[in-house]
Amino acid sequence: MSDPVLISPTDLATLMSSERVVLIDTRDPEAYACGHLPGAVNLREIFTFLATSTAEGLGELKQTFADAFGSAGLSGTETAVLYEESMNSGFGQSCRGYFLLSWLRYPKVRILHGGLAGWKAAGLPVDTAPVSPAPASFPLPESMASLMVTKEEMLAALDTDVVLLDVRDVDEWIGTSSSPYGPDFAPRKGRIPGAKWIEWYRFMKPSATGPIFKSPSEILADCRTAGISPKDTVYLYCFKGARASNSYVALKEAGFSDVRMYFGSWNEWSREPGLPIESGFPSN
């Protein structure tokens, strides 16, 4: 049985004392410089890199992150642990790193549950010293894991039994804003026709140490209200794959077996004039 995705701060501290761990901080360099987990490497590109689902785009995504993760010190033997400030403050950026490493078939990947906020709340140490990891040769697989969906596959999934799940914020869902970066950041507003909707942060709840993921039963209840079952094939999307990665982790933790992501998401779909969109509140 594989290890669970989420790891608590105290369990991470224990893991760090017993095996080789590469800690990856996904926040911006300024936040990293103010304090980070001891030994953590700053890899902001996990959040900022925009990808398209063309063969060229996915090839660039693959090589960019094989190089980046190798430079961070991942050779295939270490456990990669990603974190952000807290689970709802970075738009799912630590989960985006988890998704990328899963797509690249990296064998051991975890997410610090509660992020840096949870680590601090547990009374664990932080450091401000920059870290220069020893580069490693990242183990690129012969083929990627079948987690990515292209825009052509999304188009083919319209009006089928595949559940298209939009996890963006409400203003993006109804089409009053094109992105979390401003109403007119992308050229078109709206959603992919027929997509169901659950805002990404609904899969989390408050705790004494900050936001954490809900229990599997709570996540399943949220999905049920949207007409989604663990037996469904689910294609997730958001704006660029960060919030959808957070939702990917939630659904996998809740027992969904066939969850994939349109990583290009609305950033790509909105820039293709021939692709259909809808906006406003659904009529049914």
Protein backbone atom coordinates (compact mmCIF):
# COMPACT_ATOMS: atom_id res chain seq x y z
CA MET A 1 0.00 0.00 0.00
CA SER A 2 1.41 3.41 -0.93
CA ASP A 3 2.00 6.13 1.63
CA PRO A 4 -0.76 8.72 2.06
CA VAL A 5 -0.22 11.99 0.23
CA LEU A 6 -0.61 14.30 3.22
CA ILE A 7 1.90 14.34 6.05
CA SER A 8 1.52 16.19 9.34
CA PRO A 9 4.25 18.52 10.63
CA THR A 10 5.22 16.17 13.46
CA ASP A 11 5.30 13.15 11.17
CA LEU A 12 7.45 15.11 8.72
CA ALA A 13 9.91 16.01 11.47
CA THR A 14 10.17 12.30 12.31
CA LEU A 15 10.58 11.36 8.65
CA MET A 16 13.37 13.91 8.22
CA SER A 17 15.33 12.25 11.01
CA SER A 18 15.07 8.78 9.50
CA GLU A 19 15.43 9.10 5.72
CA ARG A 20 16.53 11.38 2.92
CA VAL A 21 13.97 14.11 2.30
CA VAL A 22 14.03 17.02 -0.15
CA LEU A 23 11.84 19.85 1.11
CA ILE A 24 10.44 22.10 -1.63
CA ASP A 25 9.09 25.53 -0.73
CA THR A 26 6.70 26.75 -3.45
CA ARG A 27 6.24 30.31 -2.14
CA ASP A 28 7.73 33.46 -3.63
CA PRO A 29 11.42 34.16 -2.90
CA GLU A 30 10.62 37.06 -0.55
CA ALA A 31 8.45 34.88 1.69
CA TYR A 32 11.05 32.11 1.55
CA ALA A 33 13.80 34.49 2.65
CA CYS A 34 11.76 35.53 5.70
CA GLY A 35 11.66 31.97 7.01
CA HIS A 36 11.36 28.43 5.69
CA LEU A 37 11.69 24.83 6.80
CA PRO A 38 15.34 24.03 7.57
CA GLY A 39 17.06 22.84 4.41
CA ALA A 40 14.12 23.63 2.12
CA VAL A 41 14.76 24.56 -1.50
CA ASN A 42 12.76 27.42 -3.03
CA LEU A 43 11.09 26.45 -6.31
CA ARG A 44 8.58 29.15 -7.18
CA GLU A 45 8.26 28.02 -10.81
CA ILE A 46 5.98 25.23 -9.62
CA PHE A 47 3.29 27.91 -9.26
CA THR A 48 4.17 30.38 -11.99
CA PHE A 49 4.85 28.18 -15.02
CA LEU A 50 2.03 28.28 -17.58
CA ALA A 51 1.54 25.24 -19.79
CA THR A 52 -0.44 24.35 -22.88
CA SER A 53 -1.68 20.88 -23.71
CA THR A 54 -0.10 20.68 -27.17
CA ALA A 55 2.64 18.10 -27.71
CA GLU A 56 5.17 20.93 -27.68
CA GLY A 57 3.68 22.46 -24.55
CA LEU A 58 3.67 19.20 -22.62
CA GLY A 59 7.19 18.46 -23.82
CA GLU A 60 8.36 21.81 -22.48
CA LEU A 61 6.52 21.18 -19.21
CA LYS A 62 8.21 17.79 -18.86
CA GLN A 63 11.72 19.08 -19.50
CA THR A 64 11.33 22.25 -17.46
CA PHE A 65 10.38 20.37 -14.33
CA ALA A 66 12.74 17.44 -14.84
CA ASP A 67 15.51 20.06 -14.84
CA ALA A 68 14.01 22.01 -11.93
CA PHE A 69 13.44 19.00 -9.71
CA GLY A 70 16.85 17.64 -10.56
CA SER A 71 18.41 20.97 -9.59
CA ALA A 72 16.49 20.74 -6.30
CA GLY A 73 18.23 17.45 -5.57
CA LEU A 74 15.68 14.78 -6.55
CA SER A 75 17.31 11.63 -7.92
CA GLY A 76 14.51 9.14 -7.30
CA THR A 77 15.67 7.87 -3.91
CA GLU A 78 14.65 10.87 -1.81
CA THR A 79 11.14 11.63 -0.60
CA ALA A 80 9.96 14.95 -2.02
CA VAL A 81 7.83 17.00 0.38
CA LEU A 82 6.17 20.14 -0.95
CA TYR A 83 4.66 22.96 1.05
CA GLU A 84 3.14 26.43 0.82
CA GLU A 85 2.17 29.01 3.45
CA SER A 86 -1.15 27.32 4.30
CA MET A 87 -3.46 25.06 2.34
CA ASN A 88 -5.68 27.88 1.06
CA SER A 89 -3.27 30.82 0.76
CA GLY A 90 -1.22 29.71 -2.25
CA PHE A 91 -4.01 28.65 -4.65
CA GLY A 92 -2.97 25.00 -4.27
CA GLN A 93 0.65 25.52 -5.33
CA SER A 94 2.14 22.73 -3.19
CA CYS A 95 -0.48 20.38 -4.66
CA ARG A 96 0.47 21.57 -8.16
CA GLY A 97 4.00 20.39 -7.42
CA TYR A 98 2.62 17.08 -6.20
CA PHE A 99 0.60 16.67 -9.40
CA LEU A 100 3.62 17.44 -11.60
CA LEU A 101 5.81 14.94 -9.77
CA SER A 102 3.03 12.34 -9.99
CA TRP A 103 2.74 12.95 -13.74
CA LEU A 104 6.51 12.51 -13.98
CA ARG A 105 6.11 9.23 -12.05
CA TYR A 106 8.38 10.28 -9.19
CA PRO A 107 8.14 7.42 -6.66
CA LYS A 108 7.88 9.23 -3.31
CA VAL A 109 5.97 12.50 -2.98
CA ARG A 110 4.20 14.03 0.02
CA ILE A 111 2.50 17.34 0.85
CA LEU A 112 2.98 19.05 4.20
CA HIS A 113 -0.58 19.22 5.51
CA GLY A 114 -1.20 22.69 6.91
CA GLY A 115 1.86 24.13 5.19
CA LEU A 116 4.38 26.36 6.90
CA ALA A 117 1.64 27.75 9.16
CA GLY A 118 0.97 24.28 10.52
CA TRP A 119 4.70 23.63 10.94
CA LYS A 120 5.11 26.82 12.99
CA ALA A 121 1.97 26.07 15.03
CA ALA A 122 3.53 22.75 16.00
CA GLY A 123 6.51 24.64 17.47
CA LEU A 124 8.94 23.33 14.87
CA PRO A 125 11.97 25.39 13.76
CA VAL A 126 12.29 27.65 10.73
CA ASP A 127 15.42 29.00 9.12
CA THR A 128 16.30 32.04 7.02
CA ALA A 129 19.54 30.77 5.47
CA PRO A 130 19.50 30.23 1.69
CA VAL A 131 19.95 26.63 0.57
CA SER A 132 22.12 25.47 -2.33
CA PRO A 133 21.23 21.82 -2.96
CA ALA A 134 23.52 19.36 -4.70
CA PRO A 135 22.02 18.85 -8.17
CA ALA A 136 20.87 15.36 -9.08
CA SER A 137 19.89 13.51 -12.23
CA PHE A 138 16.10 13.46 -12.21
CA PRO A 139 14.74 10.04 -13.29
CA LEU A 140 12.63 10.84 -16.34
CA PRO A 141 10.24 7.96 -17.17
CA GLU A 142 9.77 6.52 -20.63
CA SER A 143 6.13 7.65 -20.53
CA MET A 144 4.19 10.02 -18.34
CA ALA A 145 1.43 8.88 -16.00
CA SER A 146 -2.00 9.12 -17.67
CA LEU A 147 -3.10 12.12 -15.58
CA MET A 148 -3.05 14.90 -18.19
CA VAL A 149 -6.00 15.80 -20.42
CA THR A 150 -5.52 17.85 -23.57
CA LYS A 151 -7.92 20.47 -24.91
CA GLU A 152 -8.91 18.00 -27.64
CA GLU A 153 -9.80 15.41 -25.00
CA MET A 154 -11.80 17.99 -23.06
CA LEU A 155 -13.68 18.91 -26.23
CA ALA A 156 -14.37 15.22 -26.94
CA ALA A 157 -15.67 14.77 -23.38
CA LEU A 158 -18.49 17.32 -23.84
CA ASP A 159 -21.92 15.68 -23.68
CA THR A 160 -20.49 12.36 -22.45
CA ASP A 161 -20.54 10.58 -19.09
CA VAL A 162 -17.20 12.14 -18.16
CA VAL A 163 -17.63 14.67 -15.34
CA LEU A 164 -15.96 17.98 -16.13
CA LEU A 165 -15.35 19.69 -12.80
CA ASP A 166 -14.61 23.41 -12.64
CA VAL A 167 -13.12 24.38 -9.25
CA ARG A 168 -12.54 28.10 -9.88
CA ASP A 169 -14.00 30.95 -7.85
CA VAL A 170 -17.61 31.96 -8.43
CA ASP A 171 -16.84 35.09 -10.49
CA GLU A 172 -14.84 32.98 -12.94
CA TRP A 173 -17.52 30.28 -13.03
CA ILE A 174 -20.34 32.65 -13.99
CA GLY A 175 -18.11 34.64 -16.32
CA THR A 176 -17.73 38.04 -14.66
CA SER A 177 -13.94 37.51 -14.39
CA SER A 178 -11.54 35.59 -16.59
CA SER A 179 -8.97 34.72 -13.94
CA PRO A 180 -7.76 35.24 -10.36
CA TYR A 181 -5.32 37.81 -11.80
CA GLY A 182 -7.99 40.25 -12.90
CA PRO A 183 -11.26 40.24 -14.84
CA ASP A 184 -9.66 40.70 -18.25
CA PHE A 185 -6.40 38.79 -17.85
CA ALA A 186 -7.59 36.12 -20.31
CA PRO A 187 -9.39 37.00 -23.57
CA ARG A 188 -12.69 35.24 -22.81
CA LYS A 189 -14.81 34.72 -19.71
CA GLY A 190 -17.04 31.80 -18.82
CA ARG A 191 -16.69 28.06 -18.39
CA ILE A 192 -16.46 24.87 -20.39
CA PRO A 193 -20.01 23.86 -21.36
CA GLY A 194 -21.63 21.27 -19.13
CA ALA A 195 -19.02 21.50 -16.39
CA LYS A 196 -20.11 20.91 -12.81
CA TRP A 197 -18.81 23.28 -10.17
CA ILE A 198 -17.32 23.03 -6.68
CA GLU A 199 -15.14 25.91 -5.50
CA TRP A 200 -11.76 24.45 -4.61
CA TYR A 201 -11.66 25.70 -1.04
CA ARG A 202 -14.86 23.82 -0.19
CA PHE A 203 -12.71 20.70 0.15
CA MET A 204 -10.97 22.30 3.15
CA LYS A 205 -12.02 23.33 6.64
CA PRO A 206 -10.60 25.48 9.44
CA SER A 207 -8.58 23.96 12.26
CA ALA A 208 -6.74 25.28 15.30
CA THR A 209 -3.54 25.44 13.22
CA GLY A 210 -5.06 26.77 9.99
CA PRO A 211 -6.92 25.33 6.98
CA ILE A 212 -6.67 21.58 6.39
CA PHE A 213 -8.36 19.15 4.02
CA LYS A 214 -11.73 17.80 5.04
CA SER A 215 -12.11 14.12 5.86
CA PRO A 216 -12.87 11.73 2.98
CA SER A 217 -16.51 11.44 4.07
CA GLU A 218 -16.90 15.22 4.13
CA ILE A 219 -15.36 15.53 0.66
CA LEU A 220 -17.68 12.81 -0.63
CA ALA A 221 -20.66 14.69 0.80
CA ASP A 222 -19.62 17.86 -1.03
CA CYS A 223 -19.27 15.89 -4.25
CA ARG A 224 -22.67 14.29 -3.79
CA THR A 225 -24.33 17.70 -3.62
CA ALA A 226 -22.83 18.43 -7.05
CA GLY A 227 -23.93 15.08 -8.48
CA ILE A 228 -20.45 13.53 -8.54
CA SER A 229 -19.66 9.95 -7.52
CA PRO A 230 -16.31 8.20 -6.82
CA LYS A 231 -17.22 5.86 -9.69
CA ASP A 232 -17.16 8.76 -12.17
CA THR A 233 -14.32 9.65 -14.48
CA VAL A 234 -13.51 13.24 -13.50
CA TYR A 235 -11.61 15.82 -15.56
CA LEU A 236 -10.61 18.78 -13.38
CA TYR A 237 -9.74 22.29 -14.46
CA CYS A 238 -9.21 25.77 -13.00
CA PHE A 239 -7.15 28.59 -14.51
CA LYS A 240 -3.68 27.04 -14.70
CA GLY A 241 -3.82 23.80 -12.73
CA ALA A 242 -3.07 24.96 -9.16
CA ARG A 243 -6.53 25.02 -7.57
CA ALA A 244 -7.40 21.93 -9.60
CA SER A 245 -4.33 20.21 -8.12
CA ASN A 246 -5.62 20.95 -4.64
CA SER A 247 -8.94 19.41 -5.67
CA TYR A 248 -7.11 16.48 -7.28
CA VAL A 249 -5.52 15.67 -3.93
CA ALA A 250 -8.88 15.97 -2.16
CA LEU A 251 -10.64 13.62 -4.56
CA LYS A 252 -7.84 11.06 -4.46
CA GLU A 253 -7.86 11.16 -0.65
CA ALA A 254 -11.63 10.56 -0.80
CA GLY A 255 -11.24 7.43 -2.91
CA PHE A 256 -11.86 8.65 -6.47
CA SER A 257 -9.94 6.30 -8.75
CA ASP A 258 -10.15 8.00 -12.15
CA VAL A 259 -9.29 11.68 -11.75
CA ARG A 260 -7.33 13.55 -14.41
CA MET A 261 -6.58 17.18 -15.05
CA TYR A 262 -6.80 19.58 -17.93
CA PHE A 263 -3.62 21.34 -16.84
CA GLY A 264 -3.84 24.01 -19.54
CA SER A 265 -7.21 24.89 -17.99
CA TRP A 266 -8.98 28.19 -18.66
CA ASN A 267 -5.72 29.95 -19.52
CA GLU A 268 -5.50 27.78 -22.63
CA TRP A 269 -9.20 27.19 -23.38
CA SER A 270 -10.07 30.91 -23.32
CA ARG A 271 -7.35 31.71 -25.85
CA GLU A 272 -8.75 29.33 -28.50
CA PRO A 273 -11.63 31.21 -30.18
CA GLY A 274 -13.07 28.05 -31.72
CA LEU A 275 -13.61 26.30 -28.39
CA PRO A 276 -17.13 26.62 -26.93
CA ILE A 277 -17.91 28.42 -23.69
CA GLU A 278 -20.96 29.26 -21.61
CA SER A 279 -21.49 31.82 -18.89
CA GLY A 280 -24.04 33.01 -16.35
CA PHE A 281 -25.91 30.66 -14.04
CA PRO A 282 -26.91 27.29 -15.52
CA SER A 283 -30.57 27.05 -16.49
CA ASN A 284 -31.00 23.65 -14.80
